[in-house]
Amino acid sequence: MSGGPADPSAGTGAWGPFEAIRGLRPDGVIPQVTTIRRLLPDVPTEHDPYAAAQAALAPLAGSVAPGARIAVTAGSRGIHDLVVVVRAAVDWLRSVGAEPFVVPAMGSHGGATAEGQREMLAGLGVTPESVGCPIEATMETVVVGTLPDGTPVHHDAVAAKSDGVLLVNRVKPHTDFHGPVESGLAKILAIGLGNRQGAAALHAGGIPLLGASIEAAARMVVETGKVLGGLAILENAQEKTAAVELVVAEGIGRAAEMALLQRAGSLMARLPFDSLDVLVVDEMGKDKSGAGMDTNVLGRCWVHGIPEFESPSIATVTVHRLSEASHGNASGLGLADVMPARLLEQIDLRTSYVNALTSGAGGARRSRLPMVMEDDAAAVLAAVTMSGRRDWSSLRLARIRDTLSPNELMVTPALLTEAADRFDLEIAGTARDLTDATGSLTSWGER
């Protein structure tokens, strides 16, 4: 990141390096942590998502004309079986005589450039070789109509020129709002395939109107007659595919998709504790969540400057690196309170700010810079110092890899004692320091 602060090793200055922070609590010693896991014995799992996707598409066989060019969507999220399901859709379309291709459907992500979106897909494993067809990307759009308030509804120009569009996306609760339709098929159609212009237009009305705008815009695109339907991927609390189901065009943004959202919400992984002093998040990124870190896991949204979730309640959050698949997009960084200086070097301001500008007021708040400390140890120490816990021996601190993986945690003794009394949690390691002598987070070891 250009224009960053001075080298923290050069002196205290405005940095407040580790020694200065430690001086605030010279008696403060962060307790050791122990790995625990959540036991999920009855999680529904689809063991062959490729076959499930192909079977789900069977009802569309009569809707695809031989030689038809069909656009298959792929978004920017780290969906467990995204490549498998997209490949299944491509193979099925080719088996009925169509000529499929993949089109990125991710709004303004990838720096709002066609090449940037190709790179994001490649980072998720979606390449012409892995899915078996070309990838055609553009940021150009056509306007298919306007909403009653005058908002234009944009649609990807490549998809608009195709003979049909098949949506592929995960259905799950949204990170900004809750309503009958949240993240899923309607969203990837209205915002994902709206590219930067469409995403910005729909977000411009503010978060309170976003859900209704997505539904209305998606329905307007469906009415063009180009949308074949969508493959909805549901994931379980173990981050694996629970089901792959077809929603026909008439059901997108309506009862069929709404029912899947309810199922997805019941399957979603969440933190096993309702109250934490500190949450340490190893990695954030657009492949983890549209908000970089899933607000449903953090219990904080900040769209209106307040947490906006009743549970969980987390006093302070640290985040320590940006995923490679994000390609510098650090939107959502403002959901954290403290970070190490190393993360600054991973941030592409242009890419991050393009996404924030597209997202409206929520994007502005979430793109603010957290407190910057010299290393992982200093970041955690600062968070603990600000957590409101006077007696650190009773500190309720948990560490997770990312918000996609809240079922495996490192926890301090106060939480370990609670975990030992619960049937749904198991102790899976021995006590260790959270950070090492170099100031870095210790490794997780074997998963």
Protein backbone atom coordinates (compact mmCIF):
# COMPACT_ATOMS: atom_id res chain seq x y z
CA MET A 1 0.00 0.00 0.00
CA SER A 2 1.60 3.27 -1.08
CA GLY A 3 1.82 6.24 1.23
CA GLY A 4 1.94 4.05 4.35
CA PRO A 5 3.31 5.03 7.75
CA ALA A 6 6.99 5.12 8.57
CA ASP A 7 8.93 2.01 9.49
CA PRO A 8 7.68 1.05 12.98
CA SER A 9 11.18 -0.01 13.96
CA ALA A 10 12.40 3.56 13.56
CA GLY A 11 10.93 4.69 16.88
CA THR A 12 7.67 5.16 18.69
CA GLY A 13 6.38 8.26 16.87
CA ALA A 14 2.64 7.89 16.26
CA TRP A 15 2.97 4.12 16.11
CA GLY A 16 2.89 3.07 19.74
CA PRO A 17 4.97 -0.04 19.03
CA PHE A 18 4.86 -3.22 21.05
CA GLU A 19 7.06 -1.98 23.87
CA ALA A 20 4.92 1.12 24.36
CA ILE A 21 1.67 -0.87 24.30
CA ARG A 22 3.09 -3.37 26.76
CA GLY A 23 3.98 -0.49 29.02
CA LEU A 24 0.27 0.26 29.43
CA ARG A 25 -0.19 -3.09 31.14
CA PRO A 26 3.23 -4.29 32.33
CA ASP A 27 1.51 -6.92 34.47
CA GLY A 28 -0.71 -8.12 31.64
CA VAL A 29 0.03 -11.58 30.28
CA ILE A 30 -2.25 -12.98 27.60
CA PRO A 31 -3.31 -16.49 28.62
CA GLN A 32 -2.36 -19.46 26.46
CA VAL A 33 -4.88 -20.88 24.01
CA THR A 34 -6.13 -24.40 23.28
CA THR A 35 -7.75 -25.69 20.09
CA ILE A 36 -11.38 -26.80 20.33
CA ARG A 37 -13.79 -28.03 17.67
CA ARG A 38 -17.53 -27.96 17.34
CA LEU A 39 -19.11 -31.39 16.92
CA LEU A 40 -21.65 -31.49 14.11
CA PRO A 41 -22.78 -35.12 13.81
CA ASP A 42 -25.98 -34.56 11.83
CA VAL A 43 -24.83 -32.11 9.16
CA PRO A 44 -26.46 -32.78 5.76
CA THR A 45 -23.79 -33.25 3.09
CA GLU A 46 -23.97 -33.76 -0.67
CA HIS A 47 -21.14 -36.18 -1.37
CA ASP A 48 -21.33 -35.90 -5.18
CA PRO A 49 -22.13 -32.27 -6.04
CA TYR A 50 -21.24 -32.85 -9.70
CA ALA A 51 -23.91 -35.53 -10.07
CA ALA A 52 -26.37 -33.51 -7.98
CA ALA A 53 -25.94 -30.48 -10.23
CA GLN A 54 -26.41 -32.50 -13.40
CA ALA A 55 -29.52 -34.21 -11.99
CA ALA A 56 -30.95 -30.86 -10.90
CA LEU A 57 -30.60 -29.48 -14.43
CA ALA A 58 -32.59 -32.28 -16.08
CA PRO A 59 -35.91 -30.33 -16.11
CA LEU A 60 -34.29 -27.68 -18.35
CA ALA A 61 -33.45 -30.13 -21.14
CA GLY A 62 -36.33 -28.98 -23.34
CA SER A 63 -35.48 -25.32 -22.83
CA VAL A 64 -32.05 -25.37 -24.47
CA ALA A 65 -31.87 -25.26 -28.26
CA PRO A 66 -29.00 -27.04 -30.03
CA GLY A 67 -26.15 -24.62 -30.68
CA ALA A 68 -27.42 -22.09 -28.16
CA ARG A 69 -24.71 -19.98 -26.52
CA ILE A 70 -25.38 -20.16 -22.80
CA ALA A 71 -23.65 -17.94 -20.23
CA VAL A 72 -22.92 -19.65 -16.92
CA THR A 73 -22.21 -17.31 -14.01
CA ALA A 74 -19.32 -17.55 -11.57
CA GLY A 75 -19.02 -15.04 -8.72
CA SER A 76 -16.26 -13.86 -6.41
CA ARG A 77 -17.04 -15.97 -3.33
CA GLY A 78 -15.03 -18.88 -2.04
CA ILE A 79 -17.74 -21.49 -2.49
CA HIS A 80 -16.46 -24.97 -1.60
CA ASP A 81 -17.60 -26.72 -4.79
CA LEU A 82 -17.86 -23.75 -7.14
CA VAL A 83 -15.54 -25.25 -9.76
CA VAL A 84 -17.25 -28.65 -9.54
CA VAL A 85 -20.76 -27.24 -9.95
CA VAL A 86 -19.79 -24.86 -12.76
CA ARG A 87 -18.03 -27.72 -14.56
CA ALA A 88 -21.13 -29.91 -14.11
CA ALA A 89 -23.32 -27.18 -15.59
CA VAL A 90 -20.95 -26.71 -18.54
CA ASP A 91 -20.79 -30.44 -19.23
CA TRP A 92 -24.57 -30.81 -18.98
CA LEU A 93 -25.20 -27.90 -21.34
CA ARG A 94 -22.79 -29.33 -23.85
CA SER A 95 -24.50 -32.74 -23.56
CA VAL A 96 -27.80 -31.20 -24.69
CA GLY A 97 -26.14 -29.48 -27.65
CA ALA A 98 -25.46 -26.03 -26.22
CA GLU A 99 -22.25 -24.01 -26.44
CA PRO A 100 -21.59 -22.89 -22.85
CA PHE A 101 -19.17 -20.25 -21.62
CA VAL A 102 -18.53 -18.71 -18.20
CA VAL A 103 -19.14 -15.04 -17.46
CA PRO A 104 -17.89 -13.34 -14.27
CA ALA A 105 -20.79 -12.09 -12.15
CA MET A 106 -19.31 -10.02 -9.35
CA GLY A 107 -20.41 -6.40 -9.67
CA SER A 108 -17.43 -4.12 -9.09
CA HIS A 109 -15.03 -6.70 -7.67
CA GLY A 110 -11.68 -7.28 -9.34
CA GLY A 111 -11.08 -3.53 -9.49
CA ALA A 112 -14.10 -3.20 -11.81
CA THR A 113 -12.04 -4.40 -14.78
CA ALA A 114 -12.60 -7.43 -16.99
CA GLU A 115 -9.03 -8.62 -16.46
CA GLY A 116 -9.31 -8.13 -12.71
CA GLN A 117 -12.43 -10.28 -12.64
CA ARG A 118 -10.72 -13.00 -14.68
CA GLU A 119 -7.91 -12.94 -12.13
CA MET A 120 -10.38 -13.26 -9.27
CA LEU A 121 -11.97 -16.29 -10.91
CA ALA A 122 -8.55 -17.84 -11.45
CA GLY A 123 -7.80 -17.29 -7.79
CA LEU A 124 -10.91 -19.31 -6.97
CA GLY A 125 -9.85 -22.08 -9.36
CA VAL A 126 -12.24 -21.11 -12.15
CA THR A 127 -10.21 -21.22 -15.39
CA PRO A 128 -11.04 -22.34 -18.94
CA GLU A 129 -9.16 -25.56 -18.20
CA SER A 130 -10.90 -26.32 -14.89
CA VAL A 131 -14.45 -25.72 -16.13
CA GLY A 132 -13.97 -26.86 -19.70
CA CYS A 133 -15.12 -23.77 -21.58
CA PRO A 134 -14.11 -20.20 -22.42
CA ILE A 135 -14.46 -17.32 -19.99
CA GLU A 136 -15.82 -14.12 -21.52
CA ALA A 137 -15.52 -11.00 -19.38
CA THR A 138 -16.60 -7.41 -19.88
CA MET A 139 -17.63 -4.48 -17.73
CA GLU A 140 -20.00 -3.18 -20.40
CA THR A 141 -23.72 -3.38 -19.72
CA VAL A 142 -27.07 -2.82 -21.36
CA VAL A 143 -30.00 -1.25 -19.54
CA VAL A 144 -33.00 -3.59 -19.57
CA GLY A 145 -35.38 -1.20 -17.83
CA THR A 146 -35.87 1.08 -14.84
CA LEU A 147 -37.36 0.49 -11.40
CA PRO A 148 -40.37 2.59 -10.32
CA ASP A 149 -38.03 5.07 -8.59
CA GLY A 150 -36.08 5.59 -11.82
CA THR A 151 -33.10 3.36 -10.97
CA PRO A 152 -31.69 1.80 -14.15
CA VAL A 153 -31.31 -1.98 -14.23
CA HIS A 154 -28.03 -2.92 -15.87
CA HIS A 155 -27.21 -6.33 -17.33
CA ASP A 156 -23.84 -7.68 -18.46
CA ALA A 157 -23.44 -7.02 -22.20
CA VAL A 158 -21.96 -10.44 -22.95
CA ALA A 159 -24.74 -12.23 -21.08
CA ALA A 160 -27.33 -10.05 -22.83
CA LYS A 161 -26.05 -11.14 -26.25
CA SER A 162 -26.14 -14.82 -25.32
CA ASP A 163 -29.01 -17.15 -26.07
CA GLY A 164 -29.53 -17.87 -22.39
CA VAL A 165 -28.15 -17.42 -18.89
CA LEU A 166 -27.71 -20.12 -16.26
CA LEU A 167 -27.00 -18.77 -12.78
CA VAL A 168 -24.74 -20.58 -10.32
CA ASN A 169 -24.40 -19.21 -6.80
CA ARG A 170 -24.51 -20.05 -3.12
CA VAL A 171 -27.66 -19.07 -1.26
CA LYS A 172 -26.98 -17.71 2.23
CA PRO A 173 -27.87 -14.86 4.60
CA HIS A 174 -26.58 -11.47 3.46
CA THR A 175 -23.98 -9.50 5.39
CA ASP A 176 -25.81 -6.14 5.19
CA PHE A 177 -29.52 -6.78 5.41
CA HIS A 178 -32.10 -9.44 6.14
CA GLY A 179 -35.23 -10.07 4.12
CA PRO A 180 -37.10 -12.66 2.05
CA VAL A 181 -34.25 -12.77 -0.51
CA GLU A 182 -30.65 -12.10 0.45
CA SER A 183 -27.45 -13.52 -1.09
CA GLY A 184 -28.20 -15.98 -3.85
CA LEU A 185 -29.58 -16.22 -7.34
CA ALA A 186 -31.48 -12.92 -7.46
CA LYS A 187 -28.43 -11.08 -6.14
CA ILE A 188 -25.96 -12.55 -8.63
CA LEU A 189 -28.41 -11.76 -11.41
CA ALA A 190 -29.20 -8.18 -10.36
CA ILE A 191 -25.87 -7.08 -8.87
CA GLY A 192 -23.32 -9.65 -10.03
CA LEU A 193 -24.34 -9.41 -13.68
CA GLY A 194 -25.04 -5.70 -13.27
CA ASN A 195 -21.28 -5.14 -13.21
CA ARG A 196 -20.04 -1.93 -11.61
CA GLN A 197 -22.77 0.31 -13.02
CA GLY A 198 -25.61 -1.96 -11.98
CA ALA A 199 -24.19 -2.69 -8.53
CA ALA A 200 -23.64 1.02 -7.88
CA ALA A 201 -27.13 1.97 -9.05
CA LEU A 202 -28.85 -0.55 -6.78
CA HIS A 203 -26.66 0.24 -3.77
CA ALA A 204 -27.18 3.97 -4.21
CA GLY A 205 -30.64 3.73 -2.66
CA GLY A 206 -29.12 2.62 0.64
CA ILE A 207 -29.17 -0.63 2.56
CA PRO A 208 -32.83 -0.35 3.70
CA LEU A 209 -33.94 -0.50 0.04
CA LEU A 210 -31.34 -2.97 -1.22
CA GLY A 211 -33.29 -6.17 -0.69
CA ALA A 212 -36.38 -4.90 -2.49
CA SER A 213 -34.22 -3.41 -5.26
CA ILE A 214 -32.46 -6.73 -5.83
CA GLU A 215 -35.76 -8.60 -6.07
CA ALA A 216 -37.29 -6.07 -8.47
CA ALA A 217 -34.20 -5.80 -10.67
CA ALA A 218 -33.78 -9.58 -10.85
CA ARG A 219 -37.39 -10.01 -11.88
CA MET A 220 -36.92 -7.39 -14.61
CA VAL A 221 -33.96 -9.30 -16.04
CA VAL A 222 -35.89 -12.59 -15.83
CA GLU A 223 -38.67 -10.99 -17.87
CA THR A 224 -36.25 -10.58 -20.79
CA GLY A 225 -36.71 -14.32 -21.31
CA LYS A 226 -32.98 -15.07 -21.36
CA VAL A 227 -32.66 -16.60 -17.88
CA LEU A 228 -32.98 -20.40 -17.88
CA GLY A 229 -32.85 -20.68 -14.10
CA GLY A 230 -30.22 -21.08 -11.42
CA LEU A 231 -28.31 -23.74 -9.55
CA ALA A 232 -28.51 -22.87 -5.87
CA ILE A 233 -25.69 -24.22 -3.72
CA LEU A 234 -26.39 -24.64 -0.01
CA GLU A 235 -23.44 -25.12 2.32
CA ASN A 236 -23.46 -26.73 5.75
CA ALA A 237 -21.73 -25.68 8.95
CA GLN A 238 -18.61 -27.60 7.86
CA GLU A 239 -18.25 -25.36 4.77
CA LYS A 240 -19.16 -28.26 2.49
CA THR A 241 -22.01 -28.60 0.00
CA ALA A 242 -25.26 -29.63 1.63
CA ALA A 243 -27.37 -29.54 -1.54
CA VAL A 244 -27.46 -28.33 -5.14
CA GLU A 245 -30.95 -27.46 -6.34
CA LEU A 246 -32.46 -25.94 -9.45
CA VAL A 247 -34.60 -22.83 -9.20
CA VAL A 248 -36.44 -22.20 -12.46
CA ALA A 249 -36.53 -18.64 -13.76
CA GLU A 250 -40.01 -17.99 -12.35
CA GLY A 251 -38.80 -18.87 -8.84
CA ILE A 252 -35.80 -16.52 -8.74
CA GLY A 253 -36.38 -13.84 -6.14
CA ARG A 254 -39.65 -15.50 -5.20
CA ALA A 255 -40.96 -18.30 -3.00
CA ALA A 256 -38.62 -21.01 -4.30
CA GLU A 257 -35.49 -18.99 -3.55
CA MET A 258 -36.94 -17.69 -0.28
CA ALA A 259 -37.42 -21.25 0.95
CA LEU A 260 -33.81 -22.10 0.14
CA LEU A 261 -32.63 -19.04 2.09
CA GLN A 262 -34.45 -20.30 5.16
CA ARG A 263 -32.73 -23.68 4.80
CA ALA A 264 -29.36 -22.04 4.30
CA GLY A 265 -29.75 -19.95 7.44
CA SER A 266 -30.43 -23.04 9.52
CA LEU A 267 -27.27 -24.71 8.16
CA MET A 268 -24.92 -21.76 8.59
CA ALA A 269 -21.83 -22.04 10.78
CA ARG A 270 -21.61 -19.58 13.66
CA LEU A 271 -19.35 -18.98 16.61
CA PRO A 272 -20.18 -21.32 19.52
CA PHE A 273 -20.00 -18.44 22.04
CA ASP A 274 -22.38 -15.49 22.38
CA SER A 275 -19.94 -13.20 24.15
CA LEU A 276 -16.22 -12.58 23.53
CA ASP A 277 -13.73 -10.00 24.72
CA VAL A 278 -11.49 -10.51 21.68
CA LEU A 279 -11.87 -12.35 18.38
CA VAL A 280 -8.67 -12.94 16.42
CA VAL A 281 -9.36 -13.51 12.70
CA ASP A 282 -6.32 -14.83 10.83
CA GLU A 283 -7.53 -13.94 7.33
CA MET A 284 -10.21 -11.86 5.62
CA GLY A 285 -11.07 -11.51 1.95
CA LYS A 286 -13.70 -11.22 -0.76
CA ASP A 287 -13.50 -14.98 -1.24
CA LYS A 288 -14.54 -15.37 2.40
CA SER A 289 -17.47 -12.95 2.37
CA GLY A 290 -18.78 -9.97 0.45
CA ALA A 291 -17.90 -7.94 3.53
CA GLY A 292 -14.43 -9.46 3.81
CA MET A 293 -15.52 -11.00 7.10
CA ASP A 294 -19.04 -12.37 7.49
CA THR A 295 -21.02 -9.95 9.62
CA ASN A 296 -23.34 -12.77 10.70
CA VAL A 297 -20.33 -14.41 12.38
CA LEU A 298 -18.83 -11.22 13.79
CA GLY A 299 -22.12 -9.88 15.11
CA ARG A 300 -21.26 -6.42 13.78
CA CYS A 301 -22.31 -4.77 10.54
CA TRP A 302 -21.39 -1.06 10.88
CA VAL A 303 -23.64 -0.13 7.95
CA HIS A 304 -25.28 2.49 10.16
CA GLY A 305 -22.32 2.93 12.50
CA ILE A 306 -23.60 0.48 15.13
CA PRO A 307 -23.22 -3.30 15.57
CA GLU A 308 -26.85 -4.02 14.50
CA PHE A 309 -26.74 -7.65 15.73
CA GLU A 310 -27.92 -8.89 19.11
CA SER A 311 -25.50 -11.81 19.08
CA PRO A 312 -22.66 -12.50 19.24
CA SER A 313 -21.28 -9.59 21.24
CA ILE A 314 -17.55 -9.11 20.59
CA ALA A 315 -15.73 -6.23 22.26
CA THR A 316 -12.71 -6.10 19.93
CA VAL A 317 -11.73 -7.82 16.67
CA THR A 318 -8.28 -8.21 15.15
CA VAL A 319 -7.56 -9.30 11.58
CA HIS A 320 -4.09 -10.29 10.43
CA ARG A 321 -3.87 -10.81 6.66
CA LEU A 322 -5.75 -10.46 3.37
CA SER A 323 -6.37 -13.54 1.24
CA GLU A 324 -4.49 -13.82 -2.06
CA ALA A 325 -7.79 -14.44 -3.86
CA SER A 326 -8.92 -10.91 -2.89
CA HIS A 327 -6.24 -9.37 -5.13
CA GLY A 328 -5.79 -6.46 -2.76
CA ASN A 329 -9.49 -5.77 -2.14
CA ALA A 330 -9.64 -5.03 1.59
CA SER A 331 -13.25 -3.84 1.68
CA GLY A 332 -14.61 -4.76 5.08
CA LEU A 333 -11.35 -4.07 6.89
CA GLY A 334 -13.17 -1.49 9.01
CA LEU A 335 -15.12 -4.29 10.69
CA ALA A 336 -11.94 -4.97 12.67
CA ASP A 337 -10.49 -2.78 15.40
CA VAL A 338 -6.78 -3.61 15.18
CA MET A 339 -4.41 -5.08 12.59
CA PRO A 340 -0.66 -5.63 12.10
CA ALA A 341 1.31 -3.31 9.81
CA ARG A 342 2.08 -6.23 7.50
CA LEU A 343 -1.50 -6.19 6.24
CA LEU A 344 -1.02 -2.66 4.87
CA GLU A 345 1.33 -4.03 2.25
CA GLN A 346 -1.40 -6.33 0.90
CA ILE A 347 -3.95 -3.59 0.26
CA ASP A 348 -4.69 -2.26 -3.22
CA LEU A 349 -6.39 1.05 -2.46
CA ARG A 350 -7.90 1.49 -5.91
CA THR A 351 -9.49 -1.95 -5.91
CA SER A 352 -10.71 -1.52 -2.35
CA TYR A 353 -12.14 1.94 -2.91
CA VAL A 354 -13.89 1.03 -6.17
CA ASN A 355 -15.72 -1.67 -4.24
CA ALA A 356 -16.48 0.72 -1.36
CA LEU A 357 -17.77 3.46 -3.65
CA THR A 358 -20.07 0.95 -5.30
CA SER A 359 -21.41 -0.24 -1.93
CA GLY A 360 -22.64 3.11 -0.60
CA ALA A 361 -22.50 4.25 3.05
CA GLY A 362 -21.77 0.79 4.38
CA GLY A 363 -18.75 0.54 2.12
CA ALA A 364 -17.36 3.84 3.39
CA ARG A 365 -17.54 2.78 7.03
CA ARG A 366 -16.14 -0.66 6.39
CA SER A 367 -13.18 0.70 4.43
CA ARG A 368 -11.84 2.73 7.34
CA LEU A 369 -8.45 1.72 8.63
CA PRO A 370 -8.30 -0.08 11.98
CA MET A 371 -5.63 0.75 14.56
CA VAL A 372 -2.28 -0.41 13.11
CA MET A 373 0.27 -2.21 15.29
CA GLU A 374 3.74 -3.39 14.37
CA ASP A 375 3.05 -7.14 14.40
CA ASP A 376 0.49 -9.81 15.31
CA ALA A 377 1.45 -9.85 18.98
CA ALA A 378 1.11 -6.07 19.33
CA ALA A 379 -2.26 -6.13 17.55
CA VAL A 380 -3.64 -8.78 19.90
CA LEU A 381 -2.21 -7.03 22.94
CA ALA A 382 -3.83 -3.75 21.89
CA ALA A 383 -7.18 -5.48 21.38
CA VAL A 384 -7.00 -7.13 24.80
CA THR A 385 -6.05 -3.83 26.40
CA MET A 386 -9.16 -2.20 24.89
CA SER A 387 -11.53 -5.12 25.54
CA GLY A 388 -12.73 -3.89 28.92
CA ARG A 389 -11.46 -6.97 30.76
CA ARG A 390 -9.48 -5.92 33.85
CA ASP A 391 -8.48 -9.42 34.93
CA TRP A 392 -6.77 -11.03 31.95
CA SER A 393 -6.82 -14.44 33.59
CA SER A 394 -10.57 -14.50 32.83
CA LEU A 395 -10.12 -13.16 29.28
CA ARG A 396 -12.64 -14.54 26.77
CA LEU A 397 -10.48 -14.64 23.62
CA ALA A 398 -11.04 -16.86 20.59
CA ARG A 399 -9.07 -17.23 17.36
CA ILE A 400 -10.43 -18.50 14.02
CA ARG A 401 -8.85 -18.94 10.59
CA ASP A 402 -11.57 -16.88 8.88
CA THR A 403 -15.30 -16.31 9.19
CA LEU A 404 -15.97 -19.26 6.89
CA SER A 405 -14.41 -21.50 9.54
CA PRO A 406 -15.88 -20.64 12.96
CA ASN A 407 -16.18 -24.26 14.11
CA GLU A 408 -12.49 -24.68 14.92
CA LEU A 409 -11.10 -22.21 17.40
CA MET A 410 -8.20 -21.52 19.72
CA VAL A 411 -9.58 -20.31 23.05
CA THR A 412 -8.30 -19.03 26.39
CA PRO A 413 -8.94 -20.95 29.66
CA ALA A 414 -12.11 -19.01 30.47
CA LEU A 415 -13.72 -20.34 27.27
CA LEU A 416 -12.06 -23.74 27.60
CA THR A 417 -13.77 -24.27 30.94
CA GLU A 418 -17.10 -23.48 29.30
CA ALA A 419 -16.34 -25.77 26.36
CA ALA A 420 -15.55 -28.69 28.67
CA ASP A 421 -19.13 -28.61 29.95
CA ARG A 422 -20.74 -28.63 26.50
CA PHE A 423 -21.69 -31.73 24.53
CA ASP A 424 -21.22 -29.97 21.18
CA LEU A 425 -17.58 -28.97 21.72
CA GLU A 426 -14.44 -31.08 21.99
CA ILE A 427 -10.94 -30.20 23.13
CA ALA A 428 -8.60 -30.94 20.23
CA GLY A 429 -5.18 -29.76 21.40
CA THR A 430 -2.98 -28.66 24.25
CA ALA A 431 -2.26 -25.20 25.59
CA ARG A 432 0.16 -23.05 23.59
CA ASP A 433 1.10 -19.40 23.24
CA LEU A 434 -1.00 -17.40 20.82
CA THR A 435 2.06 -15.66 19.36
CA ASP A 436 5.71 -16.71 19.05
CA ALA A 437 8.99 -15.00 19.80
CA THR A 438 8.93 -13.17 16.45
CA GLY A 439 5.57 -11.57 17.22
CA SER A 440 3.69 -13.73 14.71
CA LEU A 441 0.60 -15.85 15.33
CA THR A 442 1.54 -19.46 16.03
CA SER A 443 0.59 -22.11 13.47
CA TRP A 444 -2.57 -24.15 13.75
CA GLY A 445 -0.75 -27.43 13.18
CA GLU A 446 -2.69 -30.34 11.76
CA ARG A 447 -6.30 -29.57 10.98
